[in-house]
């Protein structure tokens, strides 16, 4: 009878221990599951932000390319205007020289 009582007691303690370990493991599993879900959501949020900033970066790079093209066009226009200005100065100098010559001829005739 003592042996039966001892076996039943040990059996009950083993069942209690296993039950406690079951709930403990279940709690750990649920905690890990929640943690994993949070990590997955954080990863999705990070991927979304990366896509958003990638699109913004591509737009900015495109804008920079457009601005660079416009800057090059303006530089070429400035070079053209400078060349035209130089040519017009030369023509203006020639015309003023002709005017002076004509004035000298008119004065010589008077």
C-alpha atoms as a PDB file:
ATOM      1  CA  UNK A   1       0.000   0.000   0.000  1.00  0.00           C
ATOM      2  CA  UNK A   2       2.858   2.336   0.723  1.00  0.00           C
ATOM      3  CA  UNK A   3       4.348   1.446  -2.641  1.00  0.00           C
ATOM      4  CA  UNK A   4       1.026   2.185  -4.382  1.00  0.00           C
ATOM      5  CA  UNK A   5       0.751   5.500  -2.557  1.00  0.00           C
ATOM      6  CA  UNK A   6       4.340   6.374  -3.517  1.00  0.00           C
ATOM      7  CA  UNK A   7       3.763   5.457  -7.179  1.00  0.00           C
ATOM      8  CA  UNK A   8       0.523   7.493  -7.321  1.00  0.00           C
ATOM      9  CA  UNK A   9       2.220  10.459  -5.696  1.00  0.00           C
ATOM     10  CA  UNK A  10       5.146  10.351  -8.101  1.00  0.00           C
ATOM     11  CA  UNK A  11       2.716   9.908 -11.020  1.00  0.00           C
ATOM     12  CA  UNK A  12       0.680  12.954  -9.892  1.00  0.00           C
ATOM     13  CA  UNK A  13       3.841  15.064  -9.479  1.00  0.00           C
ATOM     14  CA  UNK A  14       5.036  14.042 -12.959  1.00  0.00           C
ATOM     15  CA  UNK A  15       1.630  14.947 -14.443  1.00  0.00           C
ATOM     16  CA  UNK A  16       1.666  18.306 -12.581  1.00  0.00           C
ATOM     17  CA  UNK A  17       5.215  18.991 -13.770  1.00  0.00           C
ATOM     18  CA  UNK A  18       4.347  18.125 -17.366  1.00  0.00           C
ATOM     19  CA  UNK A  19       1.190  20.261 -17.208  1.00  0.00           C
ATOM     20  CA  UNK A  20       3.129  23.225 -15.857  1.00  0.00           C
ATOM     21  CA  UNK A  21       5.809  22.767 -18.520  1.00  0.00           C
ATOM     22  CA  UNK A  22       3.076  22.545 -21.178  1.00  0.00           C
ATOM     23  CA  UNK A  23       1.580  25.899 -20.156  1.00  0.00           C
ATOM     24  CA  UNK A  24       5.021  27.456 -19.786  1.00  0.00           C
ATOM     25  CA  UNK A  25       6.024  26.279 -23.263  1.00  0.00           C
ATOM     26  CA  UNK A  26       2.699  27.451 -24.657  1.00  0.00           C
ATOM     27  CA  UNK A  27       3.212  30.891 -23.107  1.00  0.00           C
ATOM     28  CA  UNK A  28       6.723  31.066 -24.576  1.00  0.00           C
ATOM     29  CA  UNK A  29       5.365  30.008 -27.965  1.00  0.00           C
ATOM     30  CA  UNK A  30       2.659  32.699 -27.899  1.00  0.00           C
ATOM     31  CA  UNK A  31       5.203  35.329 -26.836  1.00  0.00           C
ATOM     32  CA  UNK A  32       7.558  34.286 -29.642  1.00  0.00           C
ATOM     33  CA  UNK A  33       4.663  34.282 -32.112  1.00  0.00           C
ATOM     34  CA  UNK A  34       3.720  37.858 -31.138  1.00  0.00           C
ATOM     35  CA  UNK A  35       7.347  38.918 -31.329  1.00  0.00           C
ATOM     36  CA  UNK A  36       7.673  37.334 -34.762  1.00  0.00           C
ATOM     37  CA  UNK A  37       4.497  39.081 -35.956  1.00  0.00           C
ATOM     38  CA  UNK A  38       5.826  42.428 -34.724  1.00  0.00           C
ATOM     39  CA  UNK A  39       9.158  41.805 -36.461  1.00  0.00           C
ATOM     40  CA  UNK A  40       7.371  40.893 -39.699  1.00  0.00           C
ATOM     41  CA  UNK A  41       5.282  44.068 -39.492  1.00  0.00           C
ATOM     42  CA  UNK A  42       8.426  46.120 -38.859  1.00  0.00           C
ATOM     43  CA  UNK A  43      10.075  44.509 -41.876  1.00  0.00           C
ATOM     44  CA  UNK A  44       7.040  45.314 -44.047  1.00  0.00           C
ATOM     45  CA  UNK A  45       7.051  48.916 -42.795  1.00  0.00           C
ATOM     46  CA  UNK A  46      10.764  49.211 -43.498  1.00  0.00           C
ATOM     47  CA  UNK A  47      10.303  47.808 -47.010  1.00  0.00           C
ATOM     48  CA  UNK A  48       7.496  50.277 -47.629  1.00  0.00           C
ATOM     49  CA  UNK A  49       9.683  53.168 -46.469  1.00  0.00           C
ATOM     50  CA  UNK A  50      12.554  51.918 -48.628  1.00  0.00           C
ATOM     51  CA  UNK A  51      10.278  51.805 -51.683  1.00  0.00           C
ATOM     52  CA  UNK A  52       8.958  55.288 -50.888  1.00  0.00           C
ATOM     53  CA  UNK A  53      12.426  56.775 -50.510  1.00  0.00           C
ATOM     54  CA  UNK A  54      13.680  54.901 -53.587  1.00  0.00           C
ATOM     55  CA  UNK A  55      10.911  56.500 -55.655  1.00  0.00           C
ATOM     56  CA  UNK A  56      11.716  59.918 -54.180  1.00  0.00           C
ATOM     57  CA  UNK A  57      15.408  59.386 -54.922  1.00  0.00           C
ATOM     58  CA  UNK A  58      14.667  58.371 -58.511  1.00  0.00           C
ATOM     59  CA  UNK A  59      12.509  61.465 -58.946  1.00  0.00           C
ATOM     60  CA  UNK A  60      15.225  63.652 -57.457  1.00  0.00           C
ATOM     61  CA  UNK A  61      17.842  62.106 -59.731  1.00  0.00           C
ATOM     62  CA  UNK A  62      15.535  62.668 -62.689  1.00  0.00           C
ATOM     63  CA  UNK A  63      15.046  66.281 -61.620  1.00  0.00           C
ATOM     64  CA  UNK A  64      18.803  66.707 -61.308  1.00  0.00           C
ATOM     65  CA  UNK A  65      19.265  65.291 -64.807  1.00  0.00           C
ATOM     66  CA  UNK A  66      16.672  67.720 -66.185  1.00  0.00           C
ATOM     67  CA  UNK A  67      18.288  70.632 -64.357  1.00  0.00           C
ATOM     68  CA  UNK A  68      21.718  69.609 -65.640  1.00  0.00           C
ATOM     69  CA  UNK A  69      20.405  69.547 -69.208  1.00  0.00           C
ATOM     70  CA  UNK A  70      18.816  72.966 -68.747  1.00  0.00           C
ATOM     71  CA  UNK A  71      22.038  74.313 -67.232  1.00  0.00           C
ATOM     72  CA  UNK A  72      24.017  73.067 -70.225  1.00  0.00           C
ATOM     73  CA  UNK A  73      21.505  74.695 -72.593  1.00  0.00           C
ATOM     74  CA  UNK A  74      21.786  77.994 -70.721  1.00  0.00           C
ATOM     75  CA  UNK A  75      25.596  77.779 -70.829  1.00  0.00           C
ATOM     76  CA  UNK A  76      25.469  77.226 -74.574  1.00  0.00           C
ATOM     77  CA  UNK A  77      23.058  80.159 -74.940  1.00  0.00           C
ATOM     78  CA  UNK A  78      25.418  82.370 -72.929  1.00  0.00           C
ATOM     79  CA  UNK A  79      28.338  81.352 -75.156  1.00  0.00           C
ATOM     80  CA  UNK A  80      26.254  82.147 -78.232  1.00  0.00           C
ATOM     81  CA  UNK A  81      25.206  85.519 -76.813  1.00  0.00           C
ATOM     82  CA  UNK A  82      28.801  86.393 -75.936  1.00  0.00           C
ATOM     83  CA  UNK A  83      29.915  85.546 -79.473  1.00  0.00           C
ATOM     84  CA  UNK A  84      27.067  87.630 -80.902  1.00  0.00           C
ATOM     85  CA  UNK A  85      27.898  90.481 -78.558  1.00  0.00           C
ATOM     86  CA  UNK A  86      31.543  90.408 -79.651  1.00  0.00           C
ATOM     87  CA  UNK A  87      30.491  90.399 -83.306  1.00  0.00           C
ATOM     88  CA  UNK A  88      28.098  93.291 -82.737  1.00  0.00           C
ATOM     89  CA  UNK A  89      30.807  95.269 -80.951  1.00  0.00           C
ATOM     90  CA  UNK A  90      33.101  94.779 -83.926  1.00  0.00           C
ATOM     91  CA  UNK A  91      30.346  95.852 -86.284  1.00  0.00           C
ATOM     92  CA  UNK A  92      29.568  98.838 -84.044  1.00  0.00           C
ATOM     93  CA  UNK A  93      33.236  99.844 -84.017  1.00  0.00           C
ATOM     94  CA  UNK A  94      33.351  99.557 -87.817  1.00  0.00           C
ATOM     95  CA  UNK A  95      30.198 101.622 -88.177  1.00  0.00           C
ATOM     96  CA  UNK A  96      31.482 104.313 -85.799  1.00  0.00           C
ATOM     97  CA  UNK A  97      34.709 104.376 -87.813  1.00  0.00           C
ATOM     98  CA  UNK A  98      32.709 104.838 -91.037  1.00  0.00           C
ATOM     99  CA  UNK A  99      30.647 107.580 -89.383  1.00  0.00           C
ATOM    100  CA  UNK A 100      33.826 109.383 -88.364  1.00  0.00           C
ATOM    101  CA  UNK A 101      35.180 109.031 -91.907  1.00  0.00           C
ATOM    102  CA  UNK A 102      31.950 110.356 -93.352  1.00  0.00           C
ATOM    103  CA  UNK A 103      31.933 113.277 -90.889  1.00  0.00           C
ATOM    104  CA  UNK A 104      35.509 114.077 -91.880  1.00  0.00           C
ATOM    105  CA  UNK A 105      34.510 114.026 -95.586  1.00  0.00           C
ATOM    106  CA  UNK A 106      31.505 116.251 -94.929  1.00  0.00           C
ATOM    107  CA  UNK A 107      33.675 118.717 -93.026  1.00  0.00           C
ATOM    108  CA  UNK A 108      36.217 118.590 -95.807  1.00  0.00           C
ATOM    109  CA  UNK A 109      33.492 119.401 -98.314  1.00  0.00           C
ATOM    110  CA  UNK A 110      32.191 122.342 -96.292  1.00  0.00           C
END
